PDB file of N, CA and C in Angstrom:
ATOM      1  N   UNK A   1     -14.389 -11.936  -0.591  1.00  0.00           N
ATOM      2  CA  UNK A   1     -13.425 -11.099   0.092  1.00  0.00           C
ATOM      3  C   UNK A   1     -14.078  -9.751   0.391  1.00  0.00           C
ATOM      4  N   UNK A   2     -13.943  -9.306   1.641  1.00  0.00           N
ATOM      5  CA  UNK A   2     -14.495  -8.007   2.017  1.00  0.00           C
ATOM      6  C   UNK A   2     -13.697  -6.896   1.356  1.00  0.00           C
ATOM      7  N   UNK A   3     -14.406  -5.845   0.978  1.00  0.00           N
ATOM      8  CA  UNK A   3     -13.715  -4.714   0.354  1.00  0.00           C
ATOM      9  C   UNK A   3     -12.988  -3.851   1.375  1.00  0.00           C
ATOM     10  N   UNK A   4     -13.457  -3.846   2.619  1.00  0.00           N
ATOM     11  CA  UNK A   4     -12.790  -3.026   3.628  1.00  0.00           C
ATOM     12  C   UNK A   4     -11.486  -3.697   4.058  1.00  0.00           C
ATOM     13  N   UNK A   5     -10.609  -2.926   4.682  1.00  0.00           N
ATOM     14  CA  UNK A   5      -9.378  -3.496   5.224  1.00  0.00           C
ATOM     15  C   UNK A   5      -9.700  -4.130   6.564  1.00  0.00           C
ATOM     16  N   UNK A   6      -9.598  -5.438   6.649  1.00  0.00           N
ATOM     17  CA  UNK A   6      -9.899  -6.118   7.903  1.00  0.00           C
ATOM     18  C   UNK A   6      -8.699  -6.009   8.843  1.00  0.00           C
ATOM     19  N   UNK A   7      -8.922  -6.313  10.089  1.00  0.00           N
ATOM     20  CA  UNK A   7      -7.862  -6.258  11.102  1.00  0.00           C
ATOM     21  C   UNK A   7      -6.688  -7.162  10.709  1.00  0.00           C
ATOM     22  N   UNK A   8      -7.007  -8.317  10.189  1.00  0.00           N
ATOM     23  CA  UNK A   8      -5.987  -9.291   9.795  1.00  0.00           C
ATOM     24  C   UNK A   8      -5.134  -8.775   8.634  1.00  0.00           C
ATOM     25  N   UNK A   9      -5.699  -7.910   7.797  1.00  0.00           N
ATOM     26  CA  UNK A   9      -4.981  -7.398   6.629  1.00  0.00           C
ATOM     27  C   UNK A   9      -4.103  -6.193   6.941  1.00  0.00           C
ATOM     28  N   UNK A  10      -4.134  -5.709   8.165  1.00  0.00           N
ATOM     29  CA  UNK A  10      -3.283  -4.582   8.546  1.00  0.00           C
ATOM     30  C   UNK A  10      -1.989  -5.114   9.138  1.00  0.00           C
ATOM     31  N   UNK A  11      -0.880  -4.592   8.673  1.00  0.00           N
ATOM     32  CA  UNK A  11       0.419  -4.980   9.213  1.00  0.00           C
ATOM     33  C   UNK A  11       0.664  -4.133  10.452  1.00  0.00           C
ATOM     34  N   UNK A  12       0.740  -4.794  11.602  1.00  0.00           N
ATOM     35  CA  UNK A  12       0.931  -4.074  12.863  1.00  0.00           C
ATOM     36  C   UNK A  12       2.139  -4.653  13.586  1.00  0.00           C
ATOM     37  N   UNK A  13       2.666  -3.882  14.480  1.00  0.00           N
ATOM     38  CA  UNK A  13       3.815  -4.314  15.262  1.00  0.00           C
ATOM     39  C   UNK A  13       5.093  -3.682  14.742  1.00  0.00           C
ATOM     40  N   UNK A  14       5.734  -2.931  15.605  1.00  0.00           N
ATOM     41  CA  UNK A  14       6.933  -2.188  15.206  1.00  0.00           C
ATOM     42  C   UNK A  14       8.021  -3.104  14.665  1.00  0.00           C
ATOM     43  N   UNK A  15       8.193  -4.277  15.267  1.00  0.00           N
ATOM     44  CA  UNK A  15       9.273  -5.161  14.817  1.00  0.00           C
ATOM     45  C   UNK A  15       9.004  -5.700  13.413  1.00  0.00           C
ATOM     46  N   UNK A  16       7.755  -6.037  13.101  1.00  0.00           N
ATOM     47  CA  UNK A  16       7.415  -6.521  11.760  1.00  0.00           C
ATOM     48  C   UNK A  16       7.621  -5.427  10.716  1.00  0.00           C
ATOM     49  N   UNK A  17       7.206  -4.210  11.053  1.00  0.00           N
ATOM     50  CA  UNK A  17       7.339  -3.090  10.122  1.00  0.00           C
ATOM     51  C   UNK A  17       8.812  -2.743   9.920  1.00  0.00           C
ATOM     52  N   UNK A  18       9.586  -2.709  11.012  1.00  0.00           N
ATOM     53  CA  UNK A  18      11.013  -2.405  10.924  1.00  0.00           C
ATOM     54  C   UNK A  18      11.734  -3.434  10.050  1.00  0.00           C
ATOM     55  N   UNK A  19      11.384  -4.708  10.231  1.00  0.00           N
ATOM     56  CA  UNK A  19      12.004  -5.771   9.437  1.00  0.00           C
ATOM     57  C   UNK A  19      11.668  -5.608   7.951  1.00  0.00           C
ATOM     58  N   UNK A  20      10.412  -5.297   7.650  1.00  0.00           N
ATOM     59  CA  UNK A  20      10.006  -5.079   6.261  1.00  0.00           C
ATOM     60  C   UNK A  20      10.756  -3.897   5.654  1.00  0.00           C
ATOM     61  N   UNK A  21      10.907  -2.821   6.421  1.00  0.00           N
ATOM     62  CA  UNK A  21      11.607  -1.639   5.921  1.00  0.00           C
ATOM     63  C   UNK A  21      13.082  -1.921   5.658  1.00  0.00           C
ATOM     64  N   UNK A  22      13.670  -2.832   6.425  1.00  0.00           N
ATOM     65  CA  UNK A  22      15.102  -3.087   6.261  1.00  0.00           C
ATOM     66  C   UNK A  22      15.404  -4.134   5.187  1.00  0.00           C
ATOM     67  N   UNK A  23      14.538  -5.126   4.989  1.00  0.00           N
ATOM     68  CA  UNK A  23      14.872  -6.201   4.043  1.00  0.00           C
ATOM     69  C   UNK A  23      13.921  -6.307   2.856  1.00  0.00           C
ATOM     70  N   UNK A  24      12.883  -5.498   2.819  1.00  0.00           N
ATOM     71  CA  UNK A  24      11.908  -5.592   1.732  1.00  0.00           C
ATOM     72  C   UNK A  24      12.444  -5.067   0.411  1.00  0.00           C
ATOM     73  N   UNK A  25      11.898  -5.598  -0.678  1.00  0.00           N
ATOM     74  CA  UNK A  25      12.222  -5.076  -2.011  1.00  0.00           C
ATOM     75  C   UNK A  25      11.507  -3.747  -2.192  1.00  0.00           C
ATOM     76  N   UNK A  26      12.100  -2.851  -3.004  1.00  0.00           N
ATOM     77  CA  UNK A  26      11.560  -1.492  -3.137  1.00  0.00           C
ATOM     78  C   UNK A  26      11.246  -1.158  -4.586  1.00  0.00           C
ATOM     79  N   UNK A  27      10.120  -0.468  -4.765  1.00  0.00           N
ATOM     80  CA  UNK A  27       9.794   0.169  -6.039  1.00  0.00           C
ATOM     81  C   UNK A  27       9.261   1.552  -5.702  1.00  0.00           C
ATOM     82  N   UNK A  28       9.452   2.503  -6.602  1.00  0.00           N
ATOM     83  CA  UNK A  28       9.026   3.861  -6.295  1.00  0.00           C
ATOM     84  C   UNK A  28       8.416   4.568  -7.483  1.00  0.00           C
ATOM     85  N   UNK A  29       7.725   5.639  -7.178  1.00  0.00           N
ATOM     86  CA  UNK A  29       7.177   6.547  -8.180  1.00  0.00           C
ATOM     87  C   UNK A  29       7.111   7.914  -7.508  1.00  0.00           C
ATOM     88  N   UNK A  30       6.912   8.984  -8.265  1.00  0.00           N
ATOM     89  CA  UNK A  30       6.823  10.303  -7.634  1.00  0.00           C
ATOM     90  C   UNK A  30       5.680  10.353  -6.620  1.00  0.00           C
ATOM     91  N   UNK A  31       6.009  10.664  -5.370  1.00  0.00           N
ATOM     92  CA  UNK A  31       4.997  10.800  -4.330  1.00  0.00           C
ATOM     93  C   UNK A  31       4.817   9.601  -3.428  1.00  0.00           C
ATOM     94  N   UNK A  32       5.385   8.448  -3.796  1.00  0.00           N
ATOM     95  CA  UNK A  32       5.193   7.252  -2.967  1.00  0.00           C
ATOM     96  C   UNK A  32       6.261   6.209  -3.278  1.00  0.00           C
ATOM     97  N   UNK A  33       6.422   5.283  -2.343  1.00  0.00           N
ATOM     98  CA  UNK A  33       7.350   4.175  -2.491  1.00  0.00           C
ATOM     99  C   UNK A  33       6.673   2.944  -1.892  1.00  0.00           C
ATOM    100  N   UNK A  34       6.946   1.769  -2.452  1.00  0.00           N
ATOM    101  CA  UNK A  34       6.389   0.517  -1.940  1.00  0.00           C
ATOM    102  C   UNK A  34       7.524  -0.409  -1.561  1.00  0.00           C
ATOM    103  N   UNK A  35       7.466  -0.934  -0.341  1.00  0.00           N
ATOM    104  CA  UNK A  35       8.385  -1.971   0.097  1.00  0.00           C
ATOM    105  C   UNK A  35       7.550  -3.224   0.303  1.00  0.00           C
ATOM    106  N   UNK A  36       8.040  -4.365  -0.184  1.00  0.00           N
ATOM    107  CA  UNK A  36       7.244  -5.583  -0.097  1.00  0.00           C
ATOM    108  C   UNK A  36       8.130  -6.800   0.084  1.00  0.00           C
ATOM    109  N   UNK A  37       7.546  -7.852   0.639  1.00  0.00           N
ATOM    110  CA  UNK A  37       8.203  -9.149   0.757  1.00  0.00           C
ATOM    111  C   UNK A  37       7.155 -10.208   1.040  1.00  0.00           C
ATOM    112  N   UNK A  38       7.483 -11.440   0.749  1.00  0.00           N
ATOM    113  CA  UNK A  38       6.551 -12.535   1.012  1.00  0.00           C
ATOM    114  C   UNK A  38       6.440 -12.739   2.515  1.00  0.00           C
ATOM    115  N   UNK A  39       5.224 -13.120   2.969  1.00  0.00           N
ATOM    116  CA  UNK A  39       5.031 -13.316   4.401  1.00  0.00           C
ATOM    117  C   UNK A  39       4.676 -14.751   4.772  1.00  0.00           C
ATOM    118  N   UNK A  40       4.486 -15.633   3.803  1.00  0.00           N
ATOM    119  CA  UNK A  40       4.183 -17.028   4.100  1.00  0.00           C
ATOM    120  C   UNK A  40       2.762 -17.262   4.585  1.00  0.00           C
ATOM    121  N   UNK A  41       1.914 -16.264   4.484  1.00  0.00           N
ATOM    122  CA  UNK A  41       0.520 -16.388   4.914  1.00  0.00           C
ATOM    123  C   UNK A  41      -0.386 -16.463   3.687  1.00  0.00           C
ATOM    124  N   UNK A  42      -1.643 -16.783   3.914  1.00  0.00           N
ATOM    125  CA  UNK A  42      -2.605 -16.901   2.812  1.00  0.00           C
ATOM    126  C   UNK A  42      -3.226 -15.556   2.453  1.00  0.00           C
ATOM    127  N   UNK A  43      -2.792 -14.488   3.095  1.00  0.00           N
ATOM    128  CA  UNK A  43      -3.364 -13.164   2.844  1.00  0.00           C
ATOM    129  C   UNK A  43      -2.249 -12.122   2.860  1.00  0.00           C
ATOM    130  N   UNK A  44      -2.560 -10.970   2.309  1.00  0.00           N
ATOM    131  CA  UNK A  44      -1.613  -9.858   2.241  1.00  0.00           C
ATOM    132  C   UNK A  44      -1.895  -8.877   3.366  1.00  0.00           C
ATOM    133  N   UNK A  45      -0.814  -8.393   4.003  1.00  0.00           N
ATOM    134  CA  UNK A  45      -0.948  -7.381   5.054  1.00  0.00           C
ATOM    135  C   UNK A  45      -0.338  -6.086   4.546  1.00  0.00           C
ATOM    136  N   UNK A  46      -0.910  -4.957   4.974  1.00  0.00           N
ATOM    137  CA  UNK A  46      -0.485  -3.665   4.437  1.00  0.00           C
ATOM    138  C   UNK A  46      -0.401  -2.618   5.542  1.00  0.00           C
ATOM    139  N   UNK A  47       0.546  -1.681   5.386  1.00  0.00           N
ATOM    140  CA  UNK A  47       0.665  -0.538   6.291  1.00  0.00           C
ATOM    141  C   UNK A  47       0.970   0.693   5.435  1.00  0.00           C
ATOM    142  N   UNK A  48       0.440   1.836   5.845  1.00  0.00           N
ATOM    143  CA  UNK A  48       0.653   3.101   5.144  1.00  0.00           C
ATOM    144  C   UNK A  48       1.424   4.023   6.069  1.00  0.00           C
ATOM    145  N   UNK A  49       2.586   4.509   5.607  1.00  0.00           N
ATOM    146  CA  UNK A  49       3.476   5.298   6.446  1.00  0.00           C
ATOM    147  C   UNK A  49       3.736   6.649   5.792  1.00  0.00           C
ATOM    148  N   UNK A  50       3.101   7.713   6.292  1.00  0.00           N
ATOM    149  CA  UNK A  50       3.438   9.042   5.779  1.00  0.00           C
ATOM    150  C   UNK A  50       4.802   9.461   6.334  1.00  0.00           C
ATOM    151  N   UNK A  51       5.598  10.160   5.536  1.00  0.00           N
ATOM    152  CA  UNK A  51       6.930  10.552   5.992  1.00  0.00           C
ATOM    153  C   UNK A  51       6.834  11.663   7.034  1.00  0.00           C
ATOM    154  N   UNK A  52       7.920  11.864   7.737  1.00  0.00           N
ATOM    155  CA  UNK A  52       7.953  12.912   8.762  1.00  0.00           C
ATOM    156  C   UNK A  52       8.043  14.301   8.158  1.00  0.00           C
ATOM    157  N   UNK A  53       8.232  14.359   6.854  1.00  0.00           N
ATOM    158  CA  UNK A  53       8.289  15.659   6.193  1.00  0.00           C
ATOM    159  C   UNK A  53       6.914  16.307   6.126  1.00  0.00           C
ATOM    160  N   UNK A  54       5.858  15.517   6.336  1.00  0.00           N
ATOM    161  CA  UNK A  54       4.509  16.091   6.402  1.00  0.00           C
ATOM    162  C   UNK A  54       4.466  16.966   7.641  1.00  0.00           C
ATOM    163  N   UNK A  55       4.072  18.220   7.474  1.00  0.00           N
ATOM    164  CA  UNK A  55       4.191  19.174   8.571  1.00  0.00           C
ATOM    165  C   UNK A  55       3.201  18.950   9.704  1.00  0.00           C
ATOM    166  N   UNK A  56       1.984  18.563   9.371  1.00  0.00           N
ATOM    167  CA  UNK A  56       0.963  18.476  10.416  1.00  0.00           C
ATOM    168  C   UNK A  56       0.324  17.096  10.433  1.00  0.00           C
ATOM    169  N   UNK A  57      -0.334  16.798  11.536  1.00  0.00           N
ATOM    170  CA  UNK A  57      -1.058  15.539  11.663  1.00  0.00           C
ATOM    171  C   UNK A  57      -2.169  15.455  10.623  1.00  0.00           C
ATOM    172  N   UNK A  58      -2.768  16.587  10.296  1.00  0.00           N
ATOM    173  CA  UNK A  58      -3.833  16.605   9.290  1.00  0.00           C
ATOM    174  C   UNK A  58      -3.290  16.100   7.951  1.00  0.00           C
ATOM    175  N   UNK A  59      -2.104  16.565   7.548  1.00  0.00           N
ATOM    176  CA  UNK A  59      -1.493  16.123   6.291  1.00  0.00           C
ATOM    177  C   UNK A  59      -1.168  14.634   6.325  1.00  0.00           C
ATOM    178  N   UNK A  60      -0.601  14.174   7.460  1.00  0.00           N
ATOM    179  CA  UNK A  60      -0.252  12.755   7.578  1.00  0.00           C
ATOM    180  C   UNK A  60      -1.499  11.881   7.531  1.00  0.00           C
ATOM    181  N   UNK A  61      -2.537  12.280   8.250  1.00  0.00           N
ATOM    182  CA  UNK A  61      -3.763  11.486   8.280  1.00  0.00           C
ATOM    183  C   UNK A  61      -4.451  11.465   6.924  1.00  0.00           C
ATOM    184  N   UNK A  62      -4.440  12.591   6.217  1.00  0.00           N
ATOM    185  CA  UNK A  62      -5.055  12.639   4.888  1.00  0.00           C
ATOM    186  C   UNK A  62      -4.305  11.723   3.921  1.00  0.00           C
ATOM    187  N   UNK A  63      -2.972  11.765   3.964  1.00  0.00           N
ATOM    188  CA  UNK A  63      -2.173  10.900   3.097  1.00  0.00           C
ATOM    189  C   UNK A  63      -2.487   9.433   3.384  1.00  0.00           C
ATOM    190  N   UNK A  64      -2.549   9.078   4.654  1.00  0.00           N
ATOM    191  CA  UNK A  64      -2.846   7.699   5.046  1.00  0.00           C
ATOM    192  C   UNK A  64      -4.250   7.293   4.588  1.00  0.00           C
ATOM    193  N   UNK A  65      -5.211   8.181   4.783  1.00  0.00           N
ATOM    194  CA  UNK A  65      -6.602   7.897   4.414  1.00  0.00           C
ATOM    195  C   UNK A  65      -6.747   7.685   2.902  1.00  0.00           C
ATOM    196  N   UNK A  66      -6.124   8.573   2.117  1.00  0.00           N
ATOM    197  CA  UNK A  66      -6.199   8.437   0.659  1.00  0.00           C
ATOM    198  C   UNK A  66      -5.496   7.162   0.187  1.00  0.00           C
ATOM    199  N   UNK A  67      -4.369   6.843   0.805  1.00  0.00           N
ATOM    200  CA  UNK A  67      -3.651   5.617   0.448  1.00  0.00           C
ATOM    201  C   UNK A  67      -4.467   4.378   0.749  1.00  0.00           C
ATOM    202  N   UNK A  68      -5.085   4.344   1.926  1.00  0.00           N
ATOM    203  CA  UNK A  68      -5.917   3.196   2.304  1.00  0.00           C
ATOM    204  C   UNK A  68      -7.089   3.021   1.356  1.00  0.00           C
ATOM    205  N   UNK A  69      -7.740   4.119   1.021  1.00  0.00           N
ATOM    206  CA  UNK A  69      -8.898   4.043   0.129  1.00  0.00           C
ATOM    207  C   UNK A  69      -8.477   3.568  -1.257  1.00  0.00           C
ATOM    208  N   UNK A  70      -7.358   4.058  -1.757  1.00  0.00           N
ATOM    209  CA  UNK A  70      -6.869   3.632  -3.070  1.00  0.00           C
ATOM    210  C   UNK A  70      -6.549   2.141  -3.059  1.00  0.00           C
ATOM    211  N   UNK A  71      -5.889   1.668  -2.000  1.00  0.00           N
ATOM    212  CA  UNK A  71      -5.558   0.247  -1.907  1.00  0.00           C
ATOM    213  C   UNK A  71      -6.826  -0.588  -1.795  1.00  0.00           C
ATOM    214  N   UNK A  72      -7.781  -0.107  -1.031  1.00  0.00           N
ATOM    215  CA  UNK A  72      -9.032  -0.834  -0.837  1.00  0.00           C
ATOM    216  C   UNK A  72      -9.728  -1.107  -2.174  1.00  0.00           C
ATOM    217  N   UNK A  73      -9.617  -0.162  -3.100  1.00  0.00           N
ATOM    218  CA  UNK A  73     -10.257  -0.317  -4.406  1.00  0.00           C
ATOM    219  C   UNK A  73      -9.581  -1.380  -5.279  1.00  0.00           C
ATOM    220  N   UNK A  74      -8.295  -1.628  -5.082  1.00  0.00           N
ATOM    221  CA  UNK A  74      -7.575  -2.589  -5.927  1.00  0.00           C
ATOM    222  C   UNK A  74      -7.198  -3.866  -5.196  1.00  0.00           C
ATOM    223  N   UNK A  75      -7.515  -3.976  -3.923  1.00  0.00           N
ATOM    224  CA  UNK A  75      -6.993  -5.092  -3.135  1.00  0.00           C
ATOM    225  C   UNK A  75      -7.452  -6.461  -3.616  1.00  0.00           C
ATOM    226  N   UNK A  76      -8.588  -6.541  -4.284  1.00  0.00           N
ATOM    227  CA  UNK A  76      -9.038  -7.841  -4.778  1.00  0.00           C
ATOM    228  C   UNK A  76      -8.155  -8.357  -5.903  1.00  0.00           C
ATOM    229  N   UNK A  77      -7.415  -7.473  -6.550  1.00  0.00           N
ATOM    230  CA  UNK A  77      -6.508  -7.884  -7.613  1.00  0.00           C
ATOM    231  C   UNK A  77      -5.071  -8.070  -7.160  1.00  0.00           C
ATOM    232  N   UNK A  78      -4.803  -7.904  -5.860  1.00  0.00           N
ATOM    233  CA  UNK A  78      -3.438  -8.016  -5.337  1.00  0.00           C
ATOM    234  C   UNK A  78      -3.153  -9.467  -4.963  1.00  0.00           C
ATOM    235  N   UNK A  79      -1.980  -9.956  -5.348  1.00  0.00           N
ATOM    236  CA  UNK A  79      -1.586 -11.325  -5.019  1.00  0.00           C
ATOM    237  C   UNK A  79      -1.529 -11.504  -3.506  1.00  0.00           C
ATOM    238  N   UNK A  80      -1.937 -12.671  -3.037  1.00  0.00           N
ATOM    239  CA  UNK A  80      -1.936 -12.973  -1.602  1.00  0.00           C
ATOM    240  C   UNK A  80      -0.546 -13.419  -1.155  1.00  0.00           C
ATOM    241  N   UNK A  81      -0.285 -13.252   0.147  1.00  0.00           N
ATOM    242  CA  UNK A  81       0.947 -13.758   0.729  1.00  0.00           C
ATOM    243  C   UNK A  81       2.100 -12.774   0.787  1.00  0.00           C
ATOM    244  N   UNK A  82       1.794 -11.477   0.857  1.00  0.00           N
ATOM    245  CA  UNK A  82       2.843 -10.456   0.910  1.00  0.00           C
ATOM    246  C   UNK A  82       2.580  -9.471   2.040  1.00  0.00           C
ATOM    247  N   UNK A  83       3.659  -8.902   2.565  1.00  0.00           N
ATOM    248  CA  UNK A  83       3.577  -7.750   3.457  1.00  0.00           C
ATOM    249  C   UNK A  83       3.943  -6.532   2.613  1.00  0.00           C
ATOM    250  N   UNK A  84       3.128  -5.476   2.703  1.00  0.00           N
ATOM    251  CA  UNK A  84       3.332  -4.270   1.909  1.00  0.00           C
ATOM    252  C   UNK A  84       3.440  -3.058   2.819  1.00  0.00           C
ATOM    253  N   UNK A  85       4.385  -2.185   2.540  1.00  0.00           N
ATOM    254  CA  UNK A  85       4.495  -0.907   3.246  1.00  0.00           C
ATOM    255  C   UNK A  85       4.539   0.194   2.198  1.00  0.00           C
ATOM    256  N   UNK A  86       3.532   1.044   2.203  1.00  0.00           N
ATOM    257  CA  UNK A  86       3.487   2.191   1.301  1.00  0.00           C
ATOM    258  C   UNK A  86       4.039   3.397   2.050  1.00  0.00           C
ATOM    259  N   UNK A  87       5.131   3.972   1.558  1.00  0.00           N
ATOM    260  CA  UNK A  87       5.698   5.195   2.115  1.00  0.00           C
ATOM    261  C   UNK A  87       5.086   6.342   1.311  1.00  0.00           C
ATOM    262  N   UNK A  88       4.368   7.227   1.981  1.00  0.00           N
ATOM    263  CA  UNK A  88       3.637   8.304   1.312  1.00  0.00           C
ATOM    264  C   UNK A  88       4.327   9.636   1.570  1.00  0.00           C
ATOM    265  N   UNK A  89       4.754  10.291   0.500  1.00  0.00           N
ATOM    266  CA  UNK A  89       5.435  11.570   0.617  1.00  0.00           C
ATOM    267  C   UNK A  89       4.434  12.712   0.592  1.00  0.00           C
ATOM    268  N   UNK A  90       4.761  13.837   1.229  1.00  0.00           N
ATOM    269  CA  UNK A  90       3.813  14.953   1.286  1.00  0.00           C
ATOM    270  C   UNK A  90       3.621  15.609  -0.075  1.00  0.00           C
ATOM    271  N   UNK A  91       2.476  16.201  -0.220  1.00  0.00           N
ATOM    272  CA  UNK A  91       2.143  16.901  -1.455  1.00  0.00           C
ATOM    273  C   UNK A  91       0.638  17.059  -1.532  1.00  0.00           C
ATOM    274  N   UNK A  92       0.199  17.896  -2.423  1.00  0.00           N
ATOM    275  CA  UNK A  92      -1.234  18.137  -2.614  1.00  0.00           C
ATOM    276  C   UNK A  92      -1.787  17.112  -3.594  1.00  0.00           C
ATOM    277  N   UNK A  93      -1.768  15.839  -3.207  1.00  0.00           N
ATOM    278  CA  UNK A  93      -2.236  14.776  -4.082  1.00  0.00           C
ATOM    279  C   UNK A  93      -3.735  14.576  -3.918  1.00  0.00           C
ATOM    280  N   UNK A  94      -4.426  14.453  -5.042  1.00  0.00           N
ATOM    281  CA  UNK A  94      -5.858  14.146  -5.009  1.00  0.00           C
ATOM    282  C   UNK A  94      -6.015  12.636  -4.850  1.00  0.00           C
ATOM    283  N   UNK A  95      -7.249  12.200  -4.647  1.00  0.00           N
ATOM    284  CA  UNK A  95      -7.508  10.766  -4.543  1.00  0.00           C
ATOM    285  C   UNK A  95      -7.085  10.061  -5.835  1.00  0.00           C
ATOM    286  N   UNK A  96      -7.416  10.643  -6.975  1.00  0.00           N
ATOM    287  CA  UNK A  96      -7.086  10.018  -8.257  1.00  0.00           C
ATOM    288  C   UNK A  96      -5.576   9.845  -8.417  1.00  0.00           C
ATOM    289  N   UNK A  97      -4.805  10.846  -7.966  1.00  0.00           N
ATOM    290  CA  UNK A  97      -3.347  10.748  -8.056  1.00  0.00           C
ATOM    291  C   UNK A  97      -2.811   9.666  -7.123  1.00  0.00           C
ATOM    292  N   UNK A  98      -3.333   9.589  -5.900  1.00  0.00           N
ATOM    293  CA  UNK A  98      -2.907   8.525  -4.975  1.00  0.00           C
ATOM    294  C   UNK A  98      -3.290   7.159  -5.533  1.00  0.00           C
ATOM    295  N   UNK A  99      -4.470   7.063  -6.131  1.00  0.00           N
ATOM    296  CA  UNK A  99      -4.909   5.800  -6.722  1.00  0.00           C
ATOM    297  C   UNK A  99      -3.934   5.375  -7.818  1.00  0.00           C
ATOM    298  N   UNK A 100      -3.529   6.306  -8.665  1.00  0.00           N
ATOM    299  CA  UNK A 100      -2.565   6.009  -9.729  1.00  0.00           C
ATOM    300  C   UNK A 100      -1.222   5.575  -9.142  1.00  0.00           C
ATOM    301  N   UNK A 101      -0.794   6.231  -8.058  1.00  0.00           N
ATOM    302  CA  UNK A 101       0.472   5.864  -7.412  1.00  0.00           C
ATOM    303  C   UNK A 101       0.412   4.436  -6.884  1.00  0.00           C
ATOM    304  N   UNK A 102      -0.650   4.122  -6.135  1.00  0.00           N
ATOM    305  CA  UNK A 102      -0.794   2.786  -5.545  1.00  0.00           C
ATOM    306  C   UNK A 102      -0.854   1.732  -6.648  1.00  0.00           C
ATOM    307  N   UNK A 103      -1.656   1.971  -7.670  1.00  0.00           N
ATOM    308  CA  UNK A 103      -1.796   1.009  -8.773  1.00  0.00           C
ATOM    309  C   UNK A 103      -0.472   0.797  -9.501  1.00  0.00           C
ATOM    310  N   UNK A 104       0.221   1.883  -9.808  1.00  0.00           N
ATOM    311  CA  UNK A 104       1.468   1.743 -10.561  1.00  0.00           C
ATOM    312  C   UNK A 104       2.547   1.054  -9.729  1.00  0.00           C
ATOM    313  N   UNK A 105       2.593   1.328  -8.432  1.00  0.00           N
ATOM    314  CA  UNK A 105       3.577   0.660  -7.573  1.00  0.00           C
ATOM    315  C   UNK A 105       3.313  -0.842  -7.513  1.00  0.00           C
ATOM    316  N   UNK A 106       2.052  -1.223  -7.368  1.00  0.00           N
ATOM    317  CA  UNK A 106       1.714  -2.647  -7.325  1.00  0.00           C
ATOM    318  C   UNK A 106       2.026  -3.317  -8.660  1.00  0.00           C
ATOM    319  N   UNK A 107       1.782  -2.618  -9.761  1.00  0.00           N
ATOM    320  CA  UNK A 107       2.100  -3.158 -11.088  1.00  0.00           C
ATOM    321  C   UNK A 107       3.617  -3.325 -11.255  1.00  0.00           C
ATOM    322  N   UNK A 108       4.383  -2.302 -10.858  1.00  0.00           N
ATOM    323  CA  UNK A 108       5.849  -2.370 -10.962  1.00  0.00           C
ATOM    324  C   UNK A 108       6.403  -3.529 -10.148  1.00  0.00           C
ATOM    325  N   UNK A 109       5.793  -3.784  -8.992  1.00  0.00           N
ATOM    326  CA  UNK A 109       6.255  -4.860  -8.120  1.00  0.00           C
ATOM    327  C   UNK A 109       5.784  -6.229  -8.605  1.00  0.00           C
ATOM    328  N   UNK A 110       4.885  -6.247  -9.585  1.00  0.00           N
ATOM    329  CA  UNK A 110       4.359  -7.515 -10.092  1.00  0.00           C
ATOM    330  C   UNK A 110       3.348  -8.148  -9.156  1.00  0.00           C
ATOM    331  N   UNK A 111       2.718  -7.341  -8.319  1.00  0.00           N
ATOM    332  CA  UNK A 111       1.774  -7.867  -7.330  1.00  0.00           C
ATOM    333  C   UNK A 111       0.320  -7.685  -7.729  1.00  0.00           C
ATOM    334  N   UNK A 112       0.077  -6.973  -8.806  1.00  0.00           N
ATOM    335  CA  UNK A 112      -1.297  -6.721  -9.230  1.00  0.00           C
ATOM    336  C   UNK A 112      -1.648  -7.699 -10.336  1.00  0.00           C
ATOM    337  N   UNK A 113      -2.633  -8.556 -10.059  1.00  0.00           N
ATOM    338  CA  UNK A 113      -3.085  -9.516 -11.061  1.00  0.00           C
ATOM    339  C   UNK A 113      -3.970  -8.784 -12.048  1.00  0.00           C
ATOM    340  N   UNK A 114      -3.688  -8.963 -13.311  1.00  0.00           N
ATOM    341  CA  UNK A 114      -4.509  -8.316 -14.338  1.00  0.00           C
ATOM    342  C   UNK A 114      -5.831  -9.060 -14.436  1.00  0.00           C
ATOM    343  N   UNK A 115      -6.922  -8.290 -14.382  1.00  0.00           N
ATOM    344  CA  UNK A 115      -8.250  -8.896 -14.484  1.00  0.00           C
ATOM    345  C   UNK A 115      -8.631  -9.019 -15.942  1.00  0.00           C
ATOM    346  N   UNK A 116      -9.338 -10.104 -16.257  1.00  0.00           N
ATOM    347  CA  UNK A 116      -9.797 -10.256 -17.639  1.00  0.00           C
ATOM    348  C   UNK A 116     -10.932  -9.280 -17.890  1.00  0.00           C
ATOM    349  N   UNK A 117     -11.093  -8.846 -19.125  1.00  0.00           N
ATOM    350  CA  UNK A 117     -12.076  -7.816 -19.449  1.00  0.00           C
ATOM    351  C   UNK A 117     -13.500  -8.290 -19.245  1.00  0.00           C
ATOM    352  N   UNK A 118     -13.765  -9.572 -19.336  1.00  0.00           N
ATOM    353  CA  UNK A 118     -15.125 -10.087 -19.202  1.00  0.00           C
ATOM    354  C   UNK A 118     -15.575 -10.252 -17.767  1.00  0.00           C
ATOM    355  N   UNK A 119     -14.659 -10.222 -16.797  1.00  0.00           N
ATOM    356  CA  UNK A 119     -15.049 -10.453 -15.399  1.00  0.00           C
ATOM    357  C   UNK A 119     -15.473  -9.164 -14.745  1.00  0.00           C
ATOM    358  N   UNK A 120     -16.316  -9.320 -13.743  1.00  0.00           N
ATOM    359  CA  UNK A 120     -16.541  -8.213 -12.967  1.00  0.00           C
ATOM    360  C   UNK A 120     -17.698  -7.525 -12.687  1.00  0.00           C
TER     361      UNK A 120
END
C-alpha cells in the first residue's frame, strides 16, 4: 500500500460528501470531528473539511495539510471499506496535536486496527 493519498483514496464529489455529512456516524474530540460510514468498496476514501470559521485561506489550507499528513501516517492501520470526513476546527494546532486528533477519532470510531508490537 502506498503511503501517499492516491486519487482513488480521496472522497470527491459534492453529492457523495453531502450524503456522508447527513447520514454518517459521528465522533468528536476538541479541534476535530469525524463522520464515517461504510462504502462497500475494498478501500477507504477520505476528505478533510476545514470549517468556515477559519478566517483565511492560509488557515484552511494549513488545517487541511496537517490533517492529510496525520492521516497518511496512520492510514495503513485504518480498516478498509469506509468513507471518512474529517471536520477540522480552527486553532493553533501543531502537527503532533492534529496527529493525536486524527488517531483518537479513528480509535473512537473503531476504525483503527491495533498493530502488534512485533510487526513493523
